[in-house]
């Protein structure tokens, strides 16, 4: 069974040969630790990933600055994100104070 068949079976609530494996993003440091020098595309093939997430280029992502010192932003849906040193946006941790 290939990845597409596996995903379709799971979405139809049928039983695939195994649980489909999806990834949205695999950080370069993780890829390099597993297989140095591999491209993201080849890494997905190497890891036999069934599905990958792609950013929606049609959606205009908007971030409103909430707290500059903490690099805390709010997106257009009201979700909070912190921008870390590598530019990735992540939800704040469970114990973090939002907008304090």
N, C-alpha and C. Protein backbone atom coordinates (compact mmCIF):
# COMPACT_ATOMS: atom_id res chain seq x y z
N UNK A 1 0.86 -1.17 0.00
CA UNK A 1 0.00 0.00 0.00
C UNK A 1 0.90 1.24 0.00
N UNK A 2 0.60 2.20 -0.88
CA UNK A 2 1.43 3.41 -0.90
C UNK A 2 0.82 4.46 0.03
N UNK A 3 1.54 5.58 0.19
CA UNK A 3 1.12 6.62 1.13
C UNK A 3 -0.25 7.19 0.83
N UNK A 4 -0.54 7.44 -0.44
CA UNK A 4 -1.84 8.01 -0.80
C UNK A 4 -2.98 7.04 -0.46
N UNK A 5 -2.78 5.76 -0.79
CA UNK A 5 -3.80 4.75 -0.47
C UNK A 5 -4.00 4.65 1.04
N UNK A 6 -2.90 4.71 1.77
CA UNK A 6 -2.95 4.63 3.23
C UNK A 6 -3.74 5.79 3.81
N UNK A 7 -3.49 6.99 3.31
CA UNK A 7 -4.19 8.19 3.78
C UNK A 7 -5.68 8.10 3.45
N UNK A 8 -5.99 7.70 2.21
CA UNK A 8 -7.40 7.59 1.81
C UNK A 8 -8.15 6.58 2.67
N UNK A 9 -7.53 5.43 2.95
CA UNK A 9 -8.18 4.43 3.80
C UNK A 9 -8.45 5.00 5.19
N UNK A 10 -7.46 5.67 5.75
CA UNK A 10 -7.62 6.23 7.10
C UNK A 10 -8.72 7.29 7.12
N UNK A 11 -8.77 8.14 6.10
CA UNK A 11 -9.80 9.17 6.05
C UNK A 11 -11.21 8.59 5.87
N UNK A 12 -11.29 7.42 5.24
CA UNK A 12 -12.58 6.76 5.08
C UNK A 12 -12.91 5.85 6.27
N UNK A 13 -12.09 5.94 7.33
CA UNK A 13 -12.25 5.13 8.54
C UNK A 13 -12.14 3.64 8.25
N UNK A 14 -11.34 3.32 7.26
CA UNK A 14 -11.00 1.93 6.98
C UNK A 14 -9.63 1.66 7.58
N UNK A 15 -9.23 0.41 7.59
CA UNK A 15 -7.96 0.06 8.23
C UNK A 15 -6.84 -0.06 7.20
N UNK A 16 -5.87 0.88 7.23
CA UNK A 16 -4.71 0.76 6.33
C UNK A 16 -3.73 -0.29 6.89
N UNK A 17 -2.69 -0.56 6.12
CA UNK A 17 -1.69 -1.53 6.59
C UNK A 17 -0.90 -1.02 7.78
N UNK A 18 -0.83 0.30 7.94
CA UNK A 18 -0.20 0.93 9.10
C UNK A 18 -0.77 2.34 9.23
N UNK A 19 -0.54 2.97 10.36
CA UNK A 19 -1.01 4.33 10.57
C UNK A 19 -0.22 5.27 9.65
N UNK A 20 -0.93 6.13 8.90
CA UNK A 20 -0.21 7.06 8.02
C UNK A 20 0.67 8.01 8.82
N UNK A 21 1.83 8.30 8.28
CA UNK A 21 2.81 9.18 8.92
C UNK A 21 2.83 10.50 8.16
N UNK A 22 2.49 11.59 8.85
CA UNK A 22 2.47 12.93 8.27
C UNK A 22 3.53 13.80 8.94
N UNK A 23 4.10 14.71 8.20
CA UNK A 23 5.00 15.72 8.77
C UNK A 23 4.69 17.06 8.11
N UNK A 24 4.72 18.12 8.90
CA UNK A 24 4.58 19.46 8.33
C UNK A 24 5.96 20.05 8.06
N UNK A 25 6.86 19.89 9.00
CA UNK A 25 8.20 20.45 8.87
C UNK A 25 9.16 19.62 9.70
N UNK A 26 10.29 19.29 9.13
CA UNK A 26 11.37 18.64 9.87
C UNK A 26 12.54 19.60 9.86
N UNK A 27 12.94 20.06 11.03
CA UNK A 27 14.02 21.03 11.15
C UNK A 27 15.31 20.50 10.53
N UNK A 28 16.05 21.41 9.93
CA UNK A 28 17.29 21.03 9.26
C UNK A 28 18.27 20.33 10.20
N UNK A 29 18.33 20.75 11.46
CA UNK A 29 19.25 20.11 12.42
C UNK A 29 18.87 18.65 12.63
N UNK A 30 17.58 18.36 12.65
CA UNK A 30 17.12 16.98 12.82
C UNK A 30 17.48 16.17 11.57
N UNK A 31 17.21 16.72 10.38
CA UNK A 31 17.56 16.03 9.14
C UNK A 31 19.05 15.76 9.06
N UNK A 32 19.86 16.76 9.41
CA UNK A 32 21.32 16.60 9.35
C UNK A 32 21.81 15.54 10.34
N UNK A 33 21.17 15.45 11.49
CA UNK A 33 21.57 14.45 12.48
C UNK A 33 21.24 13.03 12.00
N UNK A 34 20.16 12.90 11.25
CA UNK A 34 19.74 11.58 10.77
C UNK A 34 20.47 11.20 9.49
N UNK A 35 20.55 12.13 8.54
CA UNK A 35 21.21 11.85 7.26
C UNK A 35 21.83 13.14 6.75
N UNK A 36 23.09 13.40 7.05
CA UNK A 36 23.75 14.65 6.67
C UNK A 36 23.70 14.93 5.17
N UNK A 37 23.44 16.21 4.85
CA UNK A 37 23.47 16.66 3.46
C UNK A 37 22.22 16.36 2.65
N UNK A 38 21.20 15.79 3.26
CA UNK A 38 20.00 15.41 2.51
C UNK A 38 19.05 16.60 2.37
N UNK A 39 18.39 16.69 1.23
CA UNK A 39 17.39 17.75 1.03
C UNK A 39 16.11 17.37 1.76
N UNK A 40 15.23 18.34 1.96
CA UNK A 40 13.97 18.08 2.64
C UNK A 40 13.13 17.08 1.84
N UNK A 41 13.13 17.22 0.51
CA UNK A 41 12.35 16.33 -0.34
C UNK A 41 12.86 14.89 -0.24
N UNK A 42 14.18 14.74 -0.35
CA UNK A 42 14.77 13.40 -0.25
C UNK A 42 14.61 12.82 1.15
N UNK A 43 14.61 13.68 2.15
CA UNK A 43 14.44 13.20 3.53
C UNK A 43 13.05 12.59 3.70
N UNK A 44 12.01 13.22 3.15
CA UNK A 44 10.66 12.66 3.25
C UNK A 44 10.59 11.29 2.58
N UNK A 45 11.26 11.14 1.44
CA UNK A 45 11.29 9.85 0.75
C UNK A 45 12.07 8.85 1.61
N UNK A 46 13.21 9.26 2.11
CA UNK A 46 14.06 8.39 2.94
C UNK A 46 13.30 7.88 4.16
N UNK A 47 12.51 8.75 4.79
CA UNK A 47 11.77 8.38 6.00
C UNK A 47 10.43 7.72 5.68
N UNK A 48 10.11 7.57 4.39
CA UNK A 48 8.87 6.93 3.95
C UNK A 48 7.64 7.62 4.55
N UNK A 49 7.65 8.96 4.48
CA UNK A 49 6.54 9.76 5.00
C UNK A 49 5.38 9.65 4.01
N UNK A 50 4.17 9.43 4.54
CA UNK A 50 2.99 9.25 3.69
C UNK A 50 2.39 10.57 3.23
N UNK A 51 2.49 11.60 4.03
CA UNK A 51 1.91 12.89 3.68
C UNK A 51 2.71 14.02 4.28
N UNK A 52 2.76 15.15 3.57
CA UNK A 52 3.46 16.32 4.09
C UNK A 52 2.52 17.51 4.08
N UNK A 53 2.71 18.41 4.99
CA UNK A 53 1.94 19.65 5.02
C UNK A 53 2.65 20.72 4.24
N UNK A 54 1.88 21.52 3.56
CA UNK A 54 2.44 22.64 2.81
C UNK A 54 1.78 23.92 3.28
N UNK A 55 2.56 24.99 3.42
CA UNK A 55 1.94 26.25 3.84
C UNK A 55 0.99 26.75 2.76
N UNK A 56 -0.07 27.38 3.18
CA UNK A 56 -1.05 27.93 2.26
C UNK A 56 -0.56 29.30 1.80
N UNK A 57 -0.05 29.37 0.60
CA UNK A 57 0.50 30.62 0.08
C UNK A 57 -0.59 31.63 -0.26
N UNK A 58 -1.85 31.18 -0.32
CA UNK A 58 -2.95 32.08 -0.63
C UNK A 58 -3.45 32.85 0.58
N UNK A 59 -3.13 32.37 1.76
CA UNK A 59 -3.59 33.02 2.98
C UNK A 59 -2.59 34.09 3.38
N UNK A 60 -3.07 35.28 3.61
CA UNK A 60 -2.20 36.36 4.06
C UNK A 60 -2.07 36.27 5.58
N UNK A 61 -0.98 35.73 6.04
CA UNK A 61 -0.76 35.60 7.48
C UNK A 61 -0.45 36.97 8.05
N UNK A 62 -1.18 37.34 9.06
CA UNK A 62 -0.98 38.64 9.69
C UNK A 62 -0.65 38.42 11.16
N UNK A 63 0.34 39.13 11.62
CA UNK A 63 0.74 39.05 13.03
C UNK A 63 0.77 40.45 13.62
N UNK A 64 0.06 40.63 14.72
CA UNK A 64 0.03 41.90 15.43
C UNK A 64 0.97 41.78 16.62
N UNK A 65 1.89 42.72 16.75
CA UNK A 65 2.83 42.72 17.86
C UNK A 65 2.08 42.99 19.17
N UNK A 66 2.23 42.09 20.14
CA UNK A 66 1.57 42.23 21.43
C UNK A 66 2.57 42.69 22.49
N UNK A 67 3.78 42.09 22.48
CA UNK A 67 4.79 42.42 23.46
C UNK A 67 6.16 42.30 22.79
N UNK A 68 6.79 43.45 22.52
CA UNK A 68 8.06 43.45 21.78
C UNK A 68 9.18 42.76 22.55
N UNK A 69 9.28 43.01 23.86
CA UNK A 69 10.35 42.43 24.67
C UNK A 69 10.31 40.89 24.64
N UNK A 70 9.11 40.33 24.64
CA UNK A 70 8.95 38.87 24.64
C UNK A 70 8.80 38.31 23.22
N UNK A 71 8.82 39.19 22.22
CA UNK A 71 8.62 38.81 20.82
C UNK A 71 7.32 38.01 20.66
N UNK A 72 6.26 38.52 21.28
CA UNK A 72 4.96 37.86 21.29
C UNK A 72 4.02 38.54 20.29
N UNK A 73 3.43 37.74 19.43
CA UNK A 73 2.53 38.23 18.39
C UNK A 73 1.19 37.50 18.46
N UNK A 74 0.14 38.14 17.93
CA UNK A 74 -1.18 37.51 17.83
C UNK A 74 -1.53 37.42 16.35
N UNK A 75 -1.99 36.23 15.90
CA UNK A 75 -2.36 36.08 14.50
C UNK A 75 -3.80 36.52 14.26
N UNK A 76 -4.24 36.44 13.01
CA UNK A 76 -5.56 36.95 12.65
C UNK A 76 -6.70 36.16 13.30
N UNK A 77 -6.43 34.99 13.86
CA UNK A 77 -7.46 34.19 14.52
C UNK A 77 -7.42 34.34 16.04
N UNK A 78 -6.51 35.15 16.55
CA UNK A 78 -6.39 35.36 17.99
C UNK A 78 -5.39 34.45 18.67
N UNK A 79 -4.71 33.60 17.92
CA UNK A 79 -3.70 32.72 18.49
C UNK A 79 -2.40 33.48 18.72
N UNK A 80 -1.68 33.12 19.78
CA UNK A 80 -0.42 33.79 20.11
C UNK A 80 0.76 33.00 19.60
N UNK A 81 1.80 33.71 19.18
CA UNK A 81 3.04 33.10 18.70
C UNK A 81 4.21 33.88 19.25
N UNK A 82 5.26 33.15 19.58
CA UNK A 82 6.53 33.78 19.94
C UNK A 82 7.52 33.48 18.84
N UNK A 83 8.28 34.48 18.45
CA UNK A 83 9.27 34.29 17.40
C UNK A 83 10.63 34.10 18.07
N UNK A 84 11.24 32.97 17.80
CA UNK A 84 12.51 32.63 18.40
C UNK A 84 13.67 33.01 17.48
N UNK A 85 14.87 32.74 17.91
CA UNK A 85 16.06 33.22 17.21
C UNK A 85 16.17 32.75 15.77
N UNK A 86 15.57 31.63 15.41
CA UNK A 86 15.66 31.16 14.03
C UNK A 86 14.47 31.61 13.19
N UNK A 87 13.61 32.46 13.75
CA UNK A 87 12.51 33.01 12.99
C UNK A 87 11.26 32.16 12.97
N UNK A 88 11.27 30.99 13.63
CA UNK A 88 10.09 30.14 13.64
C UNK A 88 9.10 30.66 14.65
N UNK A 89 7.83 30.54 14.33
CA UNK A 89 6.77 30.98 15.24
C UNK A 89 6.21 29.76 15.96
N UNK A 90 6.16 29.83 17.29
CA UNK A 90 5.66 28.73 18.09
C UNK A 90 4.66 29.25 19.10
N UNK A 91 3.66 28.43 19.45
CA UNK A 91 2.77 28.84 20.53
C UNK A 91 3.56 28.95 21.83
N UNK A 92 3.23 29.91 22.70
CA UNK A 92 3.90 30.00 23.99
C UNK A 92 3.65 28.75 24.81
N UNK A 93 4.51 28.49 25.79
CA UNK A 93 4.37 27.33 26.65
C UNK A 93 3.15 27.43 27.54
N UNK A 94 2.74 26.31 28.12
CA UNK A 94 1.52 26.25 28.93
C UNK A 94 1.55 27.19 30.12
N UNK A 95 2.72 27.41 30.71
CA UNK A 95 2.81 28.27 31.89
C UNK A 95 3.10 29.73 31.59
N UNK A 96 3.24 30.08 30.32
CA UNK A 96 3.57 31.45 29.95
C UNK A 96 2.38 32.39 30.15
N UNK A 97 2.69 33.60 30.55
CA UNK A 97 1.65 34.64 30.67
C UNK A 97 1.49 35.28 29.29
N UNK A 98 0.29 35.32 28.81
CA UNK A 98 0.02 35.88 27.49
C UNK A 98 -0.25 37.38 27.59
N UNK A 99 0.58 38.16 26.90
CA UNK A 99 0.35 39.60 26.81
C UNK A 99 0.52 40.35 28.11
N UNK A 100 1.25 39.76 29.05
CA UNK A 100 1.45 40.43 30.35
C UNK A 100 2.46 41.54 30.24
